[in-house]
Amino acid sequence: MYAVPQSPPPPSPRPPSTGSQKSPRSRRQRTTSLSQSTKKTCTESILRSHTRTIYTAGRPPWYDSTGQQVEPFVIGICGGSASGKTTVAEKIIESLDVPWVTLLSMDSFYKVLNEKQHDLAAINEYNFDHPDAFDFELLAETLQRLKEGKKVEVPIYNFVTHSRESRTKTMYGANVIIFEGILTFYNAEVLRMLDMKLFVDTDADVRLARRLRRDISQRGRDLEGVLKQYCNMVKPAFLHYIAPSMVHADIIVPRGGDNTVAIELIVHHVHTQLQKRGFKLREKLAHSYIGQPLPDSLHLLPSTPQICGLHTLIRNKETPRDEFIFYSKRLIRLVIEYALSLLPFKEVIVETPQGVLYEGKRCASEKICGVSILRAGETMEQAVCDVCKDIRIGKILIQTNFDTGEPELYYLRLPKDIKDYKVVLMDATVATGAAAMMAIRVLLDHEVLEENIMVVSLLMAESGVHSIAYAFPNVQIVTSALDKEINEKFYVLPGIGNFGDRYFGTEPSEEC
């Protein structure tokens, strides 16, 4: 699905206090909630190079306003053994300064050796540089899934034992995918997937020296064995398979990672491609579908006097924080109960303590998972845990970029087998629907079926409902109230303000 930066989970918000946090002063407007770590880096969240702009903190939308996947930019790097392919890839990633880059190595796709091949490998007689040594079918399938933004399990090959390890490495699609290997250009199916093709051309003596150092120090080989393998297999493979594939290259990089000029040109081109694929998603969503009838996938909690009374309390800006929390929890519980009543039920017959048969119903969905969109969605977790015994909970952190106003994905933690679950996606409020759409796209990239997703919220704007329903017509939408407008800062009107700030007590004061 997509590469997620390796960062620790977001800290849990501090527990709410019971005292009132109401301030007598008027509160200033603010457009985004920022943690302390975000405040430090918000001015650095965008990299500007050669008048081009590229995101550097959090993954921006990788889909259009209809929720459709936009293919990432795929770079293929080919070259002889120890030519510096990985170094070039790392230099490109370093120069891009974007965490949303997936680096896929061809070394992961060596075939599983049989007993005879294993014995040959132990005495340096097995040809690891021949095309037959690679599992191109698995390689093409993996690269295609990454292009589609889906999660993949990449094998880990152990060059000491000449075997695949039992564990795998999880990878996701990204804005940029870099694939490097000695035979990157050999397979026609793989070649068609590459948007940019680089060939690293390094002097043969330099490659041999690097290979000697690497294989002896890192892979437990001896000098004689490495030289024998190089002369009998590595060099002939380069002449017959690798060097001829240079004709497919868009750019030839002499001297590998030391060629800073070539790397700068490559990075500049990637910047240009990413800039072309950028989106002003929230702005487009906010002004779409005006005047359209409400979709059939919307389920509105019946507006009883009790529901209206609870909304009156949480919408009132003068409501003390402890009361705001109490009445919000009541309303959250009601909307969660209503959402779960929409799940499929089957008829069952049970026997009562009096020995009489009773015809009733039982939920037909055995696997239900709750996923909260941090931070406000986390306030709904307790309610779904109270209603569903032993329910599994996932988390997705989506924050608004301070400079662009667009949603960005920072962190996710989901059950490994989430594709088998009915998913209750929780967020306290939905304005344009941009964050909810990003979360839905994440779930789809993890192979959750669209019809198995239910978005549940306390309050939604009509524009957000239309955006979600248009992009994902099979997703069910559940809320306790629907407001008609959003303002220029993407707040719902009349709305309830910034729900997360009011709930967690992080509302800014005039001293901030």
Protein backbone atom coordinates (compact mmCIF):
# COMPACT_ATOMS: atom_id res chain seq x y z
CA MET A 1 0.00 0.00 0.00
CA TYR A 2 2.32 2.74 0.82
CA ALA A 3 5.74 3.33 2.69
CA VAL A 4 5.17 4.67 6.11
CA PRO A 5 8.04 6.52 7.80
CA GLN A 6 9.58 4.50 10.61
CA SER A 7 8.60 6.65 13.53
CA PRO A 8 7.29 5.70 16.94
CA PRO A 9 3.54 5.68 17.49
CA PRO A 10 2.03 9.08 18.26
CA PRO A 11 1.83 9.82 21.97
CA SER A 12 -1.59 9.35 23.52
CA PRO A 13 -3.31 12.60 24.44
CA ARG A 14 -3.16 13.50 28.11
CA PRO A 15 -6.22 12.30 30.04
CA PRO A 16 -8.97 14.87 30.38
CA SER A 17 -9.30 16.56 33.72
CA THR A 18 -12.63 16.97 35.41
CA GLY A 19 -12.31 20.69 36.02
CA SER A 20 -13.69 23.33 33.73
CA GLN A 21 -11.19 24.81 31.29
CA LYS A 22 -13.45 27.60 30.06
CA SER A 23 -11.65 30.87 29.45
CA PRO A 24 -13.43 34.21 29.87
CA ARG A 25 -11.47 35.62 26.93
CA SER A 26 -12.58 35.28 23.34
CA ARG A 27 -10.75 32.52 21.50
CA ARG A 28 -8.85 33.11 18.33
CA GLN A 29 -9.50 31.04 15.21
CA ARG A 30 -6.99 28.46 14.14
CA THR A 31 -6.88 26.26 11.08
CA THR A 32 -4.89 23.25 12.24
CA SER A 33 -3.88 21.41 15.38
CA LEU A 34 -0.13 20.90 15.72
CA SER A 35 1.85 18.85 18.21
CA GLN A 36 5.07 20.25 19.65
CA SER A 37 7.12 18.13 17.25
CA THR A 38 5.07 19.35 14.33
CA LYS A 39 5.50 22.97 15.37
CA LYS A 40 9.25 22.54 15.21
CA THR A 41 9.17 21.18 11.68
CA CYS A 42 6.12 22.84 10.12
CA THR A 43 8.25 25.42 8.33
CA GLU A 44 10.44 22.60 6.97
CA SER A 45 7.59 20.37 5.80
CA ILE A 46 8.06 21.45 2.19
CA LEU A 47 11.27 21.30 0.18
CA ARG A 48 11.73 23.92 -2.53
CA SER A 49 14.33 23.24 -5.18
CA HIS A 50 14.69 24.87 -8.58
CA THR A 51 11.28 26.55 -8.05
CA ARG A 52 9.75 23.08 -7.59
CA THR A 53 7.89 22.00 -4.47
CA ILE A 54 7.88 18.57 -2.91
CA TYR A 55 6.43 17.29 0.36
CA THR A 56 8.93 16.16 2.99
CA ALA A 57 6.80 15.43 6.06
CA GLY A 58 3.82 13.12 5.89
CA ARG A 59 2.46 11.50 2.78
CA PRO A 60 0.19 13.82 0.76
CA PRO A 61 -2.82 12.38 -1.11
CA TRP A 62 -1.83 9.65 -3.58
CA TYR A 63 -5.27 9.67 -5.25
CA ASP A 64 -7.50 12.20 -6.98
CA SER A 65 -10.75 13.78 -5.78
CA THR A 66 -12.69 10.70 -6.93
CA GLY A 67 -10.59 8.48 -4.67
CA GLN A 68 -8.83 6.77 -7.56
CA GLN A 69 -5.21 5.67 -7.13
CA VAL A 70 -2.54 7.72 -8.92
CA GLU A 71 0.41 5.58 -9.95
CA PRO A 72 3.75 6.37 -8.28
CA PHE A 73 6.88 7.35 -10.19
CA VAL A 74 9.02 4.21 -10.66
CA ILE A 75 12.79 4.46 -11.17
CA GLY A 76 14.72 1.40 -12.35
CA ILE A 77 18.47 1.25 -11.68
CA CYS A 78 20.58 -1.33 -13.53
CA GLY A 79 24.32 -2.02 -13.52
CA GLY A 80 26.96 -4.65 -12.95
CA SER A 81 27.61 -6.30 -9.62
CA ALA A 82 29.09 -3.83 -7.08
CA SER A 83 28.72 -0.94 -9.55
CA GLY A 84 27.13 1.29 -6.89
CA LYS A 85 23.43 0.85 -7.71
CA THR A 86 22.33 0.91 -4.08
CA THR A 87 24.55 3.93 -3.42
CA VAL A 88 22.96 5.81 -6.33
CA ALA A 89 19.49 4.88 -5.05
CA GLU A 90 20.34 6.10 -1.54
CA LYS A 91 21.82 9.34 -2.94
CA ILE A 92 18.60 9.96 -4.87
CA ILE A 93 16.49 9.32 -1.77
CA GLU A 94 18.75 11.56 0.30
CA SER A 95 18.54 14.38 -2.25
CA LEU A 96 14.76 14.03 -2.57
CA ASP A 97 14.51 14.18 1.23
CA VAL A 98 11.11 12.49 1.09
CA PRO A 99 10.23 9.65 3.50
CA TRP A 100 7.63 8.26 1.10
CA VAL A 101 10.07 6.36 -1.12
CA THR A 102 10.14 2.58 -1.43
CA LEU A 103 13.49 0.96 -2.29
CA LEU A 104 13.12 -2.53 -3.74
CA SER A 105 16.20 -4.67 -4.41
CA MET A 106 16.39 -7.44 -6.96
CA ASP A 107 18.54 -9.40 -4.49
CA SER A 108 15.34 -10.22 -2.59
CA PHE A 109 14.03 -12.29 -5.49
CA TYR A 110 16.60 -15.04 -5.87
CA LYS A 111 14.89 -18.39 -6.34
CA VAL A 112 14.76 -20.95 -3.55
CA LEU A 113 17.60 -23.40 -4.23
CA ASN A 114 17.14 -27.15 -4.29
CA GLU A 115 19.62 -29.46 -2.55
CA LYS A 116 21.89 -29.82 -5.58
CA GLN A 117 21.96 -26.06 -6.24
CA HIS A 118 22.67 -25.49 -2.54
CA ASP A 119 25.73 -27.72 -2.74
CA LEU A 120 26.94 -25.83 -5.82
CA ALA A 121 26.46 -22.47 -4.10
CA ALA A 122 28.52 -23.66 -1.12
CA ILE A 123 31.54 -24.19 -3.41
CA ASN A 124 30.91 -21.04 -5.51
CA GLU A 125 29.71 -23.07 -8.51
CA TYR A 126 26.12 -21.75 -8.67
CA ASN A 127 25.58 -18.85 -11.06
CA PHE A 128 23.72 -16.12 -9.15
CA ASP A 129 24.20 -13.68 -12.06
CA HIS A 130 22.23 -15.69 -14.64
CA PRO A 131 18.59 -14.69 -15.33
CA ASP A 132 17.46 -18.19 -14.33
CA ALA A 133 18.57 -17.47 -10.75
CA PHE A 134 15.80 -14.89 -10.27
CA ASP A 135 12.07 -15.35 -9.68
CA PHE A 136 10.89 -12.81 -12.26
CA GLU A 137 7.24 -13.85 -11.88
CA LEU A 138 7.21 -12.94 -8.17
CA LEU A 139 9.26 -9.82 -8.89
CA ALA A 140 6.82 -8.52 -11.52
CA GLU A 141 3.83 -9.30 -9.30
CA THR A 142 5.41 -7.48 -6.33
CA LEU A 143 6.34 -4.40 -8.37
CA GLN A 144 2.87 -4.25 -9.91
CA ARG A 145 1.22 -4.37 -6.47
CA LEU A 146 3.49 -1.56 -5.27
CA LYS A 147 2.50 0.51 -8.30
CA GLU A 148 -1.13 -0.07 -7.31
CA GLY A 149 -0.36 1.19 -3.80
CA LYS A 150 -0.92 -2.18 -2.15
CA LYS A 151 0.97 -3.81 0.68
CA VAL A 152 3.48 -6.51 -0.28
CA GLU A 153 5.57 -9.05 1.63
CA VAL A 154 9.09 -9.02 0.16
CA PRO A 155 11.33 -12.08 0.70
CA ILE A 156 14.61 -11.64 2.59
CA TYR A 157 17.50 -13.55 0.99
CA ASN A 158 20.40 -14.66 3.18
CA PHE A 159 23.64 -14.70 1.17
CA VAL A 160 25.50 -16.59 3.89
CA THR A 161 23.12 -19.57 3.97
CA HIS A 162 21.97 -19.13 0.33
CA SER A 163 18.32 -19.34 1.32
CA ARG A 164 15.26 -17.21 1.98
CA GLU A 165 14.63 -16.38 5.60
CA SER A 166 11.32 -17.34 7.18
CA ARG A 167 10.46 -13.71 7.88
CA THR A 168 9.57 -11.19 5.18
CA LYS A 169 9.79 -7.42 4.87
CA THR A 170 6.52 -5.49 4.57
CA MET A 171 6.55 -2.72 1.96
CA TYR A 172 3.95 -0.27 0.72
CA GLY A 173 3.44 1.78 -2.40
CA ALA A 174 4.86 5.29 -2.29
CA ASN A 175 5.18 8.53 -4.23
CA VAL A 176 8.47 7.20 -5.63
CA ILE A 177 9.50 3.56 -6.03
CA ILE A 178 13.17 2.77 -6.75
CA PHE A 179 13.95 -0.72 -8.04
CA GLU A 180 17.60 -1.71 -8.38
CA GLY A 181 19.36 -4.87 -9.53
CA ILE A 182 21.85 -6.34 -11.98
CA LEU A 183 19.09 -7.46 -14.38
CA THR A 184 16.58 -4.66 -13.87
CA PHE A 185 16.18 -4.20 -17.64
CA TYR A 186 16.17 -7.92 -18.56
CA ASN A 187 12.48 -8.78 -18.12
CA ALA A 188 10.12 -7.09 -20.58
CA GLU A 189 7.19 -7.00 -18.12
CA VAL A 190 9.30 -5.28 -15.46
CA LEU A 191 10.80 -2.91 -18.02
CA ARG A 192 7.32 -1.67 -19.00
CA MET A 193 6.63 -0.61 -15.40
CA LEU A 194 9.62 1.73 -15.18
CA ASP A 195 9.07 5.47 -15.68
CA MET A 196 12.78 6.29 -15.58
CA LYS A 197 15.63 3.90 -16.39
CA LEU A 198 19.16 4.50 -15.08
CA PHE A 199 22.29 2.50 -15.86
CA VAL A 200 25.20 2.81 -13.43
CA ASP A 201 28.39 2.44 -15.49
CA THR A 202 31.40 1.79 -13.25
CA ASP A 203 34.89 0.65 -14.28
CA ALA A 204 35.32 -3.14 -14.15
CA ASP A 205 38.39 -2.96 -11.88
CA VAL A 206 36.49 -0.80 -9.39
CA ARG A 207 33.56 -3.24 -9.43
CA LEU A 208 35.88 -6.20 -8.80
CA ALA A 209 37.61 -4.45 -5.90
CA ARG A 210 34.25 -3.60 -4.32
CA ARG A 211 32.97 -7.15 -4.80
CA LEU A 212 36.06 -8.63 -3.17
CA ARG A 213 35.68 -6.38 -0.14
CA ARG A 214 31.92 -6.98 0.16
CA ASP A 215 31.85 -10.76 -0.33
CA ILE A 216 34.80 -11.44 1.97
CA SER A 217 33.75 -9.09 4.79
CA GLN A 218 29.95 -9.40 4.62
CA ARG A 219 29.14 -12.76 3.02
CA GLY A 220 31.80 -15.04 4.49
CA ARG A 221 33.55 -15.91 1.20
CA ASP A 222 37.26 -16.52 0.66
CA LEU A 223 39.45 -14.69 -1.85
CA GLU A 224 39.95 -17.66 -4.16
CA GLY A 225 36.24 -18.44 -4.28
CA VAL A 226 35.26 -14.84 -5.05
CA LEU A 227 37.80 -14.57 -7.90
CA LYS A 228 36.72 -17.92 -9.31
CA GLN A 229 33.07 -16.91 -9.28
CA TYR A 230 33.87 -13.53 -10.82
CA CYS A 231 35.84 -14.97 -13.75
CA ASN A 232 33.49 -17.88 -14.46
CA MET A 233 30.10 -16.28 -13.87
CA VAL A 234 29.98 -12.60 -12.89
CA LYS A 235 32.04 -11.21 -15.77
CA PRO A 236 30.41 -13.37 -18.50
CA ALA A 237 26.95 -12.47 -17.19
CA PHE A 238 27.82 -8.78 -17.38
CA LEU A 239 29.00 -9.12 -20.98
CA HIS A 240 26.06 -11.25 -22.15
CA TYR A 241 23.08 -9.91 -20.18
CA ILE A 242 23.81 -6.68 -18.30
CA ALA A 243 25.92 -4.53 -20.64
CA PRO A 244 23.62 -5.10 -23.67
CA SER A 245 20.64 -3.87 -21.62
CA MET A 246 22.28 -0.42 -21.45
CA VAL A 247 20.38 0.45 -24.65
CA HIS A 248 17.17 0.69 -22.59
CA ALA A 249 18.60 3.33 -20.25
CA ASP A 250 17.26 6.89 -20.26
CA ILE A 251 20.31 8.10 -18.33
CA ILE A 252 23.76 6.49 -17.99
CA VAL A 253 25.50 7.40 -14.74
CA PRO A 254 29.29 7.03 -14.92
CA ARG A 255 31.14 6.59 -11.58
CA GLY A 256 27.93 5.76 -9.70
CA GLY A 257 27.29 7.61 -6.45
CA ASP A 258 30.27 9.91 -6.98
CA ASN A 259 28.56 11.54 -9.97
CA THR A 260 26.75 14.35 -8.16
CA VAL A 261 25.83 16.16 -11.39
CA ALA A 262 23.92 13.16 -12.76
CA ILE A 263 22.13 12.60 -9.45
CA GLU A 264 21.12 16.26 -9.32
CA LEU A 265 19.62 16.00 -12.82
CA ILE A 266 17.71 12.85 -11.85
CA VAL A 267 16.37 14.43 -8.66
CA HIS A 268 15.29 17.55 -10.55
CA HIS A 269 13.32 15.42 -13.02
CA VAL A 270 11.64 13.46 -10.21
CA HIS A 271 10.73 16.77 -8.53
CA THR A 272 9.06 17.85 -11.77
CA GLN A 273 7.07 14.62 -12.07
CA LEU A 274 5.88 14.76 -8.46
CA GLN A 275 4.88 18.39 -8.83
CA LYS A 276 2.70 17.46 -11.82
CA ARG A 277 0.96 14.83 -9.71
CA GLY A 278 0.15 17.14 -6.79
CA PHE A 279 -3.44 17.90 -5.73
CA LYS A 280 -5.41 20.65 -4.05
CA LEU A 281 -7.73 18.00 -2.72
CA ARG A 282 -9.57 19.78 0.11
CA GLU A 283 -10.30 22.89 -1.92
CA LYS A 284 -11.73 20.83 -4.76
CA LEU A 285 -13.81 18.66 -2.44
CA ALA A 286 -15.20 21.69 -0.59
CA HIS A 287 -16.74 23.15 -3.75
CA SER A 288 -18.03 19.95 -5.34
CA TYR A 289 -21.50 18.40 -5.32
CA ILE A 290 -23.28 21.60 -4.15
CA GLY A 291 -27.06 21.15 -4.36
CA GLN A 292 -26.91 17.41 -5.03
CA PRO A 293 -29.38 15.07 -3.28
CA LEU A 294 -28.04 13.15 -0.30
CA PRO A 295 -26.67 9.68 -1.17
CA ASP A 296 -28.45 6.46 -0.22
CA SER A 297 -25.35 5.31 1.66
CA LEU A 298 -25.92 8.00 4.33
CA HIS A 299 -27.54 6.85 7.57
CA LEU A 300 -28.59 9.66 9.91
CA LEU A 301 -29.31 8.94 13.57
CA PRO A 302 -33.03 9.75 14.11
CA SER A 303 -33.31 13.28 15.51
CA THR A 304 -35.17 12.70 18.77
CA PRO A 305 -35.48 15.41 21.46
CA GLN A 306 -32.68 13.63 23.35
CA ILE A 307 -30.31 13.77 20.36
CA CYS A 308 -31.17 17.42 19.74
CA GLY A 309 -30.55 18.18 23.42
CA LEU A 310 -27.13 16.50 23.38
CA HIS A 311 -26.16 18.44 20.26
CA THR A 312 -27.26 21.68 21.88
CA LEU A 313 -24.92 21.01 24.80
CA ILE A 314 -21.82 20.07 22.80
CA ARG A 315 -22.31 22.84 20.21
CA ASN A 316 -22.58 25.54 22.88
CA LYS A 317 -19.19 27.30 23.13
CA GLU A 318 -19.91 28.09 26.81
CA THR A 319 -20.24 24.42 27.80
CA PRO A 320 -17.47 23.57 30.31
CA ARG A 321 -14.97 20.98 29.16
CA ASP A 322 -15.99 18.31 31.66
CA GLU A 323 -19.61 18.57 30.51
CA PHE A 324 -18.53 18.65 26.86
CA ILE A 325 -16.67 15.35 27.39
CA PHE A 326 -19.58 13.75 29.28
CA TYR A 327 -22.27 14.60 26.72
CA SER A 328 -19.96 13.82 23.78
CA LYS A 329 -19.42 10.33 25.18
CA ARG A 330 -23.18 9.83 25.48
CA LEU A 331 -23.72 10.87 21.88
CA ILE A 332 -20.78 8.80 20.64
CA ARG A 333 -22.23 5.69 22.30
CA LEU A 334 -25.60 6.26 20.63
CA VAL A 335 -24.14 6.75 17.15
CA ILE A 336 -21.89 3.67 17.52
CA GLU A 337 -24.89 1.57 18.60
CA TYR A 338 -26.86 2.86 15.61
CA ALA A 339 -23.99 2.10 13.23
CA LEU A 340 -23.65 -1.48 14.47
CA SER A 341 -27.39 -2.02 13.96
CA LEU A 342 -26.75 -1.57 10.22
CA LEU A 343 -24.49 -4.63 10.07
CA PRO A 344 -26.04 -7.81 8.61
CA PHE A 345 -27.94 -9.98 11.10
CA LYS A 346 -29.14 -13.56 10.78
CA GLU A 347 -32.18 -15.22 12.33
CA VAL A 348 -31.53 -17.60 15.22
CA ILE A 349 -33.65 -19.57 17.66
CA VAL A 350 -32.66 -19.80 21.33
CA GLU A 351 -34.23 -21.42 24.35
CA THR A 352 -35.17 -19.18 27.29
CA PRO A 353 -34.72 -20.21 30.97
CA GLN A 354 -38.44 -21.05 30.97
CA GLY A 355 -37.86 -23.67 28.27
CA VAL A 356 -39.60 -21.63 25.56
CA LEU A 357 -38.07 -21.11 22.12
CA TYR A 358 -37.42 -17.51 21.10
CA GLU A 359 -36.90 -16.40 17.50
CA GLY A 360 -34.30 -13.65 17.47
CA LYS A 361 -31.35 -12.29 15.54
CA ARG A 362 -27.58 -12.44 15.85
CA CYS A 363 -24.93 -10.33 14.13
CA ALA A 364 -23.70 -12.20 11.06
CA SER A 365 -20.33 -10.43 11.09
CA GLU A 366 -17.96 -12.36 13.33
CA LYS A 367 -14.95 -10.14 12.62
CA ILE A 368 -15.41 -6.43 13.39
CA CYS A 369 -12.53 -3.99 13.68
CA GLY A 370 -12.53 -0.37 14.79
CA VAL A 371 -10.10 2.09 13.18
CA SER A 372 -9.79 5.61 14.58
CA ILE A 373 -8.51 8.61 12.64
CA LEU A 374 -6.23 10.35 15.13
CA ARG A 375 -6.58 12.46 17.01
CA ALA A 376 -10.33 13.18 17.38
CA GLY A 377 -11.37 9.71 16.24
CA GLU A 378 -9.63 8.22 19.26
CA THR A 379 -12.40 9.65 21.45
CA MET A 380 -14.79 7.10 19.91
CA GLU A 381 -12.68 4.02 20.69
CA GLN A 382 -14.05 3.45 24.19
CA ALA A 383 -17.64 3.39 22.95
CA VAL A 384 -16.97 0.77 20.29
CA CYS A 385 -14.98 -1.30 22.83
CA ASP A 386 -17.91 -1.11 25.28
CA VAL A 387 -20.34 -2.32 22.64
CA CYS A 388 -18.20 -4.98 20.90
CA LYS A 389 -16.45 -7.41 23.21
CA ASP A 390 -12.73 -7.98 22.42
CA ILE A 391 -12.88 -5.80 19.30
CA ARG A 392 -9.54 -5.08 17.62
CA ILE A 393 -8.57 -1.42 17.22
CA GLY A 394 -6.39 0.16 14.54
CA LYS A 395 -5.14 3.73 14.29
CA ILE A 396 -4.40 6.10 11.42
CA LEU A 397 -2.77 9.49 12.06
CA ILE A 398 -3.72 12.10 9.47
CA GLN A 399 -2.81 15.74 10.02
CA THR A 400 -3.31 18.90 8.01
CA ASN A 401 -0.17 20.26 6.36
CA PHE A 402 0.49 23.71 7.80
CA ASP A 403 1.62 25.17 4.45
CA THR A 404 -0.71 23.51 1.94
CA GLY A 405 -3.84 22.86 4.00
CA GLU A 406 -3.92 19.32 2.61
CA PRO A 407 -4.28 16.12 4.69
CA GLU A 408 -1.13 14.03 5.11
CA LEU A 409 -0.67 10.48 6.36
CA TYR A 410 1.91 10.19 9.15
CA TYR A 411 1.33 6.87 10.87
CA LEU A 412 -0.82 3.77 10.76
CA ARG A 413 -1.20 0.62 12.82
CA LEU A 414 -3.70 -1.90 11.51
CA PRO A 415 -4.39 -5.59 12.21
CA LYS A 416 -2.40 -7.75 9.82
CA ASP A 417 -5.53 -9.57 8.59
CA ILE A 418 -7.74 -6.48 8.40
CA LYS A 419 -8.90 -7.45 4.90
CA ASP A 420 -11.08 -10.12 6.53
CA TYR A 421 -12.91 -7.64 8.81
CA LYS A 422 -15.88 -5.34 8.77
CA VAL A 423 -14.23 -2.00 9.57
CA VAL A 424 -15.82 0.79 11.60
CA LEU A 425 -13.82 3.90 10.63
CA MET A 426 -14.22 6.57 13.31
CA ASP A 427 -13.68 10.33 13.23
CA ALA A 428 -15.44 12.90 15.40
CA THR A 429 -16.20 15.35 12.58
CA VAL A 430 -16.12 15.23 8.77
CA ALA A 431 -15.94 18.54 6.89
CA THR A 432 -14.64 18.17 3.32
CA GLY A 433 -14.16 14.43 3.73
CA ALA A 434 -10.47 14.67 2.77
CA ALA A 435 -9.13 12.88 5.87
CA ALA A 436 -11.85 10.22 5.73
CA MET A 437 -11.13 9.61 2.04
CA MET A 438 -7.42 9.20 2.80
CA ALA A 439 -8.22 6.71 5.57
CA ILE A 440 -10.58 4.77 3.28
CA ARG A 441 -7.89 4.71 0.59
CA VAL A 442 -5.45 3.27 3.15
CA LEU A 443 -7.94 0.52 4.01
CA LEU A 444 -8.54 -0.28 0.34
CA ASP A 445 -4.79 -0.47 -0.20
CA HIS A 446 -4.77 -3.06 2.59
CA GLU A 447 -7.34 -5.03 0.55
CA VAL A 448 -10.35 -4.25 2.74
CA LEU A 449 -13.46 -4.49 0.57
CA GLU A 450 -15.24 -1.18 0.02
CA GLU A 451 -18.57 -2.65 1.13
CA ASN A 452 -16.96 -3.73 4.42
CA ILE A 453 -16.13 -0.15 5.45
CA MET A 454 -18.43 2.05 7.53
CA VAL A 455 -17.51 5.68 8.30
CA VAL A 456 -18.95 6.78 11.65
CA SER A 457 -18.87 10.37 12.90
CA LEU A 458 -20.65 12.66 15.36
CA LEU A 459 -21.06 15.47 12.86
CA MET A 460 -20.66 15.77 9.11
CA ALA A 461 -20.95 18.49 6.51
CA GLU A 462 -22.96 17.74 3.39
CA SER A 463 -19.91 18.35 1.17
CA GLY A 464 -17.97 15.68 3.07
CA VAL A 465 -20.79 13.16 2.73
CA HIS A 466 -21.02 13.78 -1.02
CA SER A 467 -17.23 13.50 -1.48
CA ILE A 468 -17.04 10.15 0.30
CA ALA A 469 -20.16 8.74 -1.36
CA TYR A 470 -19.08 9.80 -4.86
CA ALA A 471 -15.58 8.36 -4.51
CA PHE A 472 -16.61 5.22 -2.62
CA PRO A 473 -20.30 4.47 -3.29
CA ASN A 474 -20.28 1.17 -1.38
CA VAL A 475 -18.97 2.69 1.86
CA GLN A 476 -21.72 3.23 4.46
CA ILE A 477 -21.77 6.65 6.16
CA VAL A 478 -23.24 7.08 9.66
CA THR A 479 -23.58 10.31 11.64
CA SER A 480 -25.75 11.90 14.31
CA ALA A 481 -26.15 15.25 12.54
CA LEU A 482 -25.60 16.85 9.15
CA ASP A 483 -24.65 20.52 8.70
CA LYS A 484 -24.96 22.25 5.35
CA GLU A 485 -21.89 24.48 5.13
CA ILE A 486 -18.16 24.73 5.78
CA ASN A 487 -16.18 27.96 5.97
CA GLU A 488 -12.99 29.00 4.19
CA LYS A 489 -10.95 27.30 6.92
CA PHE A 490 -12.86 24.04 6.33
CA TYR A 491 -14.76 24.15 9.63
CA VAL A 492 -18.34 22.78 9.64
CA LEU A 493 -21.06 25.43 10.13
CA PRO A 494 -22.75 25.80 12.54
CA GLY A 495 -20.55 22.93 13.74
CA ILE A 496 -18.94 22.28 17.12
CA GLY A 497 -15.56 23.97 16.65
CA ASN A 498 -12.34 21.96 16.85
CA PHE A 499 -13.60 18.81 18.56
CA GLY A 500 -10.14 17.50 19.45
CA ASP A 501 -9.07 20.78 21.07
CA ARG A 502 -12.28 21.02 23.11
CA TYR A 503 -12.16 17.37 24.19
CA PHE A 504 -8.46 17.17 25.09
CA GLY A 505 -8.21 20.70 26.49
CA THR A 506 -5.70 21.97 23.92
CA GLU A 507 -7.60 25.06 22.82
CA PRO A 508 -5.20 27.97 22.22
CA SER A 509 -5.44 31.01 24.45
CA GLU A 510 -4.56 34.60 23.67
CA GLU A 511 -1.16 34.10 25.30
CA CYS A 512 -0.17 31.51 22.65
